Protein backbone atom coordinates (compact mmCIF):
# COMPACT_ATOMS: atom_id res chain seq x y z
CA MET A 1 -27.54 -7.12 -2.67
CA PRO A 2 -25.58 -3.82 -2.71
CA SER A 3 -21.80 -3.95 -2.97
CA PRO A 4 -19.84 -3.05 0.19
CA ARG A 5 -18.68 0.57 0.21
CA VAL A 6 -16.18 2.67 2.14
CA ARG A 7 -17.50 4.73 5.04
CA PHE A 8 -15.14 6.67 7.32
CA GLU A 9 -16.26 7.16 10.93
CA GLY A 10 -16.53 10.66 12.33
CA ASP A 11 -13.42 10.29 14.50
CA PHE A 12 -11.20 8.94 11.72
CA LEU A 13 -9.44 12.24 10.96
CA ALA A 14 -8.78 12.74 14.67
CA ARG A 15 -7.21 9.26 14.82
CA LEU A 16 -5.08 10.14 11.80
CA GLY A 17 -3.94 13.36 13.45
CA ALA A 18 -2.97 11.60 16.68
CA PHE A 19 -1.10 8.89 14.77
CA ALA A 20 0.71 11.46 12.61
CA ARG A 21 1.78 13.44 15.68
CA ARG A 22 3.28 10.33 17.28
CA LEU A 23 5.10 9.47 14.06
CA SER A 24 6.35 13.03 13.63
CA ALA A 25 7.76 13.05 17.15
CA ALA A 26 9.45 9.70 16.56
CA ARG A 27 10.91 11.00 13.29
CA GLU A 28 12.38 14.04 15.03
CA ARG A 29 13.99 11.80 17.65
CA ARG A 30 15.54 9.58 14.96
CA GLU A 31 16.83 12.54 12.94
CA GLY A 32 18.21 14.10 16.10
CA ALA A 33 20.11 10.86 16.67
CA GLY A 34 21.52 11.00 13.15
CA SER A 35 19.05 8.71 11.38
CA SER A 36 17.25 10.50 8.57
CA GLY A 37 13.93 9.95 6.90
CA LEU A 38 10.51 9.04 8.19
CA PHE A 39 11.03 5.39 7.27
CA GLY A 40 14.79 5.32 7.60
CA VAL A 41 15.55 6.41 4.03
CA GLY A 42 18.83 8.23 3.66
CA ALA A 43 20.46 10.18 0.86
CA GLU A 44 21.70 7.26 -1.22
CA PHE A 45 22.49 8.27 -4.81
CA VAL A 46 20.04 6.72 -7.32
CA GLY A 47 20.52 8.63 -10.59
CA TYR A 48 20.23 11.91 -12.45
CA ARG A 49 17.52 14.23 -13.69
CA PRO A 50 17.59 17.50 -15.72
CA TYR A 51 18.61 20.60 -13.81
CA ARG A 52 15.84 23.09 -12.98
CA PRO A 53 16.73 26.83 -12.76
CA GLY A 54 17.25 28.00 -9.20
CA GLU A 55 18.24 24.62 -7.77
CA ASP A 56 21.12 24.14 -5.37
CA LEU A 57 24.28 24.04 -7.49
CA ARG A 58 25.87 21.66 -5.01
CA LEU A 59 23.74 18.96 -6.65
CA PHE A 60 24.93 19.92 -10.14
CA ASP A 61 27.07 17.26 -11.86
CA TRP A 62 29.79 19.16 -13.71
CA ASN A 63 31.43 16.02 -15.10
CA LEU A 64 28.22 14.96 -16.76
CA PHE A 65 27.74 18.48 -18.10
CA ALA A 66 31.25 18.44 -19.58
CA ARG A 67 30.57 15.16 -21.38
CA HIS A 68 27.05 15.81 -22.67
CA LYS A 69 26.76 19.63 -22.65
CA ARG A 70 23.43 19.27 -20.84
CA PRO A 71 22.78 20.20 -17.18
CA PHE A 72 21.89 17.41 -14.75
CA VAL A 73 21.63 17.13 -10.99
CA ARG A 74 22.23 14.10 -8.82
CA VAL A 75 19.06 12.54 -7.37
CA SER A 76 19.15 11.01 -3.90
CA ARG A 77 16.92 8.24 -2.70
CA ARG A 78 15.27 10.72 -0.32
CA GLU A 79 14.21 12.94 -3.24
CA ALA A 80 13.05 10.02 -5.39
CA SER A 81 10.95 8.74 -2.51
CA GLU A 82 8.95 11.97 -2.31
CA HIS A 83 6.74 10.63 -5.10
CA TRP A 84 4.49 7.96 -3.63
CA ALA A 85 1.81 5.78 -5.21
CA VAL A 86 -0.87 3.74 -3.45
CA LEU A 87 -2.50 0.93 -5.44
CA LEU A 88 -5.81 -0.10 -3.85
CA ASP A 89 -7.72 -3.27 -4.65
CA THR A 90 -11.46 -2.53 -5.00
CA SER A 91 -12.50 -5.84 -6.58
CA ALA A 92 -15.51 -7.78 -5.34
CA SER A 93 -13.35 -10.06 -3.20
CA MET A 94 -12.53 -7.00 -1.05
CA GLY A 95 -16.16 -6.94 0.08
CA VAL A 96 -15.68 -10.05 2.19
CA GLY A 97 -15.89 -9.66 5.95
CA VAL A 98 -18.62 -9.43 8.55
CA GLY A 99 -18.83 -5.96 10.05
CA ARG A 100 -15.58 -4.24 9.05
CA GLY A 101 -14.74 -5.75 5.67
CA LYS A 102 -11.51 -5.81 3.73
CA LEU A 103 -12.29 -2.79 1.55
CA GLN A 104 -12.95 -0.58 4.57
CA ALA A 105 -9.75 -1.70 6.28
CA ALA A 106 -7.72 -1.25 3.08
CA ALA A 107 -9.16 2.23 2.47
CA GLU A 108 -8.20 3.28 6.00
CA LEU A 109 -4.68 1.98 5.46
CA ALA A 110 -4.39 3.83 2.15
CA THR A 111 -5.57 7.06 3.76
CA ALA A 112 -3.17 6.73 6.67
CA ILE A 113 -0.31 6.19 4.22
CA ALA A 114 -1.32 9.39 2.42
CA ALA A 115 -1.36 11.24 5.74
CA LEU A 116 2.16 10.06 6.52
CA GLY A 117 3.28 11.16 3.07
CA SER A 118 1.87 14.63 3.64
CA LEU A 119 4.03 14.95 6.77
CA ILE A 120 7.20 14.97 4.68
CA GLY A 121 5.80 16.84 1.69
CA ALA A 122 5.41 13.79 -0.54
CA ASP A 123 3.29 13.88 -3.67
CA VAL A 124 0.96 10.90 -3.12
CA GLN A 125 -1.12 9.38 -5.91
CA LEU A 126 -3.92 6.89 -5.34
CA TRP A 127 -5.08 4.40 -7.96
CA THR A 128 -8.10 2.13 -7.50
CA SER A 129 -8.45 -1.06 -9.47
CA GLY A 130 -12.12 -1.07 -10.50
CA ALA A 131 -12.13 1.76 -13.03
CA LEU A 132 -8.42 2.66 -12.73
CA ARG A 133 -9.38 5.96 -11.14
CA GLY A 134 -6.83 8.24 -9.56
CA PHE A 135 -6.54 10.96 -6.92
CA ARG A 136 -3.52 13.13 -6.16
CA LEU A 137 -2.72 14.45 -2.68
CA ARG A 138 -0.01 17.00 -1.96
CA ARG A 139 -0.90 18.35 1.49
CA TRP A 140 -2.81 17.38 4.63
CA ALA A 141 -5.78 19.66 3.85
CA GLU A 142 -6.58 17.51 0.81
CA LEU A 143 -7.22 14.41 2.91
CA THR A 144 -10.94 15.13 3.12
CA GLY A 145 -11.10 15.10 -0.68
CA TRP A 146 -9.13 11.84 -0.71
CA MET A 147 -11.66 10.34 1.74
CA ARG A 148 -14.65 11.51 -0.32
CA PHE A 149 -13.02 9.96 -3.38
CA LEU A 150 -12.74 6.63 -1.58
CA GLU A 151 -16.31 6.79 -0.30
CA ASP A 152 -17.42 6.70 -3.93
CA GLU A 153 -15.70 3.32 -4.29
CA GLU A 154 -17.33 -0.06 -3.85
CA ALA A 155 -16.11 -3.64 -3.77
CA ALA A 156 -17.23 -4.84 -7.20
CA GLY A 157 -15.96 -6.53 -10.33
CA GLU A 158 -13.02 -8.80 -11.02
CA ARG A 159 -10.28 -6.18 -11.52
CA GLY A 160 -7.90 -6.36 -8.59
CA LEU A 161 -4.28 -5.49 -7.93
CA ALA A 162 -3.11 -7.42 -10.99
CA ALA A 163 -4.91 -4.87 -13.19
CA LEU A 164 -3.06 -2.03 -11.45
CA VAL A 165 0.32 -3.74 -11.55
CA GLY A 166 -0.04 -3.87 -15.33
CA GLU A 167 -0.39 -0.07 -15.44
CA GLY A 168 3.16 0.73 -14.38
CA ALA A 169 3.39 3.83 -16.55
CA ARG A 170 0.84 5.55 -14.32
CA PHE A 171 3.16 5.46 -11.32
CA ARG A 172 6.60 5.28 -12.92
CA LYS A 173 7.87 8.22 -10.82
CA ALA A 174 6.95 6.63 -7.50
CA GLY A 175 9.91 6.22 -5.17
CA ARG A 176 7.65 4.52 -2.65
CA LEU A 177 4.99 2.17 -3.95
CA PHE A 178 2.30 0.71 -1.68
CA LEU A 179 0.06 -2.17 -2.76
CA VAL A 180 -2.98 -2.67 -0.52
CA GLY A 181 -5.44 -5.52 -1.05
CA ASP A 182 -5.93 -9.26 -0.59
CA PHE A 183 -3.35 -10.21 -3.31
CA PHE A 184 -5.42 -13.22 -4.38
CA ASP A 185 -4.79 -12.37 -8.06
CA LEU A 186 -1.03 -11.88 -7.71
CA GLU A 187 2.11 -13.93 -7.20
CA PRO A 188 5.15 -12.55 -5.35
CA ARG A 189 7.10 -12.33 -8.61
CA ASP A 190 4.42 -9.98 -10.01
CA VAL A 191 5.16 -7.45 -7.29
CA GLY A 192 8.90 -8.03 -7.67
CA ARG A 193 8.69 -6.82 -11.27
CA LEU A 194 7.83 -3.36 -9.93
CA ALA A 195 11.19 -3.08 -8.20
CA ARG A 196 13.76 -0.65 -9.53
CA ARG A 197 16.73 1.22 -8.16
CA GLY A 198 15.74 3.82 -5.58
CA ARG A 199 12.19 2.50 -5.10
CA GLU A 200 10.77 1.04 -1.90
CA LEU A 201 7.97 -1.51 -2.25
CA PHE A 202 5.35 -2.18 0.41
CA ALA A 203 2.83 -5.04 0.08
CA LEU A 204 0.04 -4.82 2.66
CA ARG A 205 -2.24 -7.86 2.51
CA VAL A 206 -5.66 -7.38 4.12
CA VAL A 207 -7.55 -10.58 4.92
CA ALA A 208 -11.02 -10.96 6.41
CA HIS A 209 -11.17 -12.69 9.79
CA GLU A 210 -13.41 -15.31 8.18
CA GLU A 211 -10.66 -16.11 5.66
CA LEU A 212 -8.09 -16.69 8.37
CA VAL A 213 -10.01 -19.48 10.13
CA ALA A 214 -11.89 -22.49 8.81
CA HIS A 215 -13.54 -23.31 12.13
CA GLY A 216 -17.34 -23.24 12.23
CA LEU A 217 -17.79 -23.42 8.45
CA ASP A 218 -19.27 -26.92 8.25
CA GLY A 219 -22.51 -26.74 6.27
CA ALA A 220 -22.04 -23.07 5.37
CA GLU A 221 -22.81 -21.78 1.90
CA LEU A 222 -19.92 -19.84 0.40
CA VAL A 223 -20.41 -17.34 -2.41
CA ASP A 224 -17.65 -16.20 -4.75
CA PRO A 225 -18.13 -12.38 -4.69
CA GLU A 226 -16.64 -11.96 -8.18
CA THR A 227 -18.50 -14.71 -10.05
CA GLY A 228 -21.55 -15.36 -7.86
CA GLU A 229 -20.77 -19.09 -7.77
CA ARG A 230 -22.17 -20.81 -4.66
CA LEU A 231 -20.79 -23.80 -2.79
CA VAL A 232 -21.95 -25.63 0.34
CA VAL A 233 -18.89 -26.72 2.28
CA HIS A 234 -18.40 -29.57 4.70
CA VAL A 235 -15.42 -29.07 6.97
CA ASP A 236 -14.08 -31.64 9.41
CA ALA A 237 -11.00 -31.44 11.64
CA ASP A 238 -8.69 -32.74 8.91
CA ALA A 239 -10.00 -30.16 6.42
CA GLU A 240 -9.51 -27.39 8.98
CA SER A 241 -5.90 -28.43 9.53
CA ALA A 242 -5.27 -28.67 5.80
CA TYR A 243 -6.72 -25.18 5.28
CA ASP A 244 -4.51 -23.75 8.02
CA ARG A 245 -1.42 -25.37 6.49
CA ARG A 246 -2.16 -24.11 2.99
CA LEU A 247 -2.82 -20.60 4.26
CA GLU A 248 0.41 -20.51 6.23
CA ALA A 249 2.30 -21.89 3.23
CA LEU A 250 0.86 -19.10 1.06
CA PHE A 251 1.87 -16.40 3.53
CA GLY A 252 5.26 -18.04 4.07
CA ARG A 253 5.99 -18.09 0.34
CA TRP A 254 5.19 -14.39 0.13
CA ARG A 255 7.32 -13.57 3.18
CA THR A 256 10.30 -15.49 1.78
CA THR A 257 10.11 -13.90 -1.66
CA ALA A 258 9.47 -10.44 -0.22
CA ALA A 259 12.50 -10.67 2.04
CA ARG A 260 14.68 -11.78 -0.88
CA GLN A 261 13.47 -8.90 -3.05
CA ARG A 262 13.52 -6.34 -0.20
CA ILE A 263 9.75 -5.83 -0.25
CA ARG A 264 8.12 -4.80 3.03
CA TYR A 265 5.32 -7.36 3.36
CA GLY A 266 2.69 -7.77 6.03
CA VAL A 267 -0.57 -9.63 6.60
CA ALA A 268 -3.34 -8.13 8.70
CA SER A 269 -6.88 -9.05 9.60
CA ALA A 270 -9.48 -6.52 8.49
CA ARG A 271 -10.24 -6.12 12.19
CA THR A 272 -6.74 -4.82 12.94
CA PRO A 273 -6.58 -1.00 13.39
CA PHE A 274 -4.56 0.82 10.73
CA GLU A 275 -2.26 2.23 13.44
CA ASP A 276 -1.06 -1.26 14.38
CA VAL A 277 -0.55 -2.37 10.77
CA LEU A 278 1.49 0.67 9.75
CA ARG A 279 3.50 0.69 12.96
CA GLU A 280 4.58 -2.90 12.32
CA VAL A 281 5.03 -2.99 8.54
CA VAL A 282 5.77 0.53 7.33
CA THR A 283 7.32 2.61 10.09
CA SER A 284 9.32 -0.01 12.00
């Protein structure tokens, strides 16, 4: 059986454009009211970097130059955030879902994030978990290349977000870091280790509709997409209730830890349009 792949519909770019225009208009209204940044990020000081010839001397730190005899400029959170990284889970578990599966939904989210980044001139890097492949996007016109890159991906293998989290050197410059996947191979503390001063973390969990409900599964044969192991399940009312409680406990544990560590966390069904997910989790 072939592995699920990413396929963008013909109207997807038009949807992206309409969404981006709405976000751009909202951004202009916020900035006009004195609130800066597409996602509310201001000019908080986060550190220093070497001075580059031709830069605005108002950013130059003369005190640091006097002490070290080397030129540095102050870096604001806004500037640091212009480097974005999107970590996308392409493991076999992302192939779950009847109709619109998790990988398709996650790929659409990742692409919409890249489109939003292009609006403010961000340098957006994409990393996929299967073969640790990357793609770099710097302007809107490159979105078609980004989409072709993703259409070469398939939900296969056991390497998920945990494999990408362990490759922190690849995205060390990212001021905004987006993790998109089902998070079944991660604990909240694993994502928390990616936190650093001046970085915003976003954890977008995509779950198949079939994973959100246990109803109607009695007698069904379940297949682990990563190992191929098969299991016939028998589900009664008590088992359904227990499944619902465990799932809510899992999501609740993530929400609590994410709030404590200032991680923007959201859970969405693969059937939920990317516009709704990003409006609620990223741009609110």
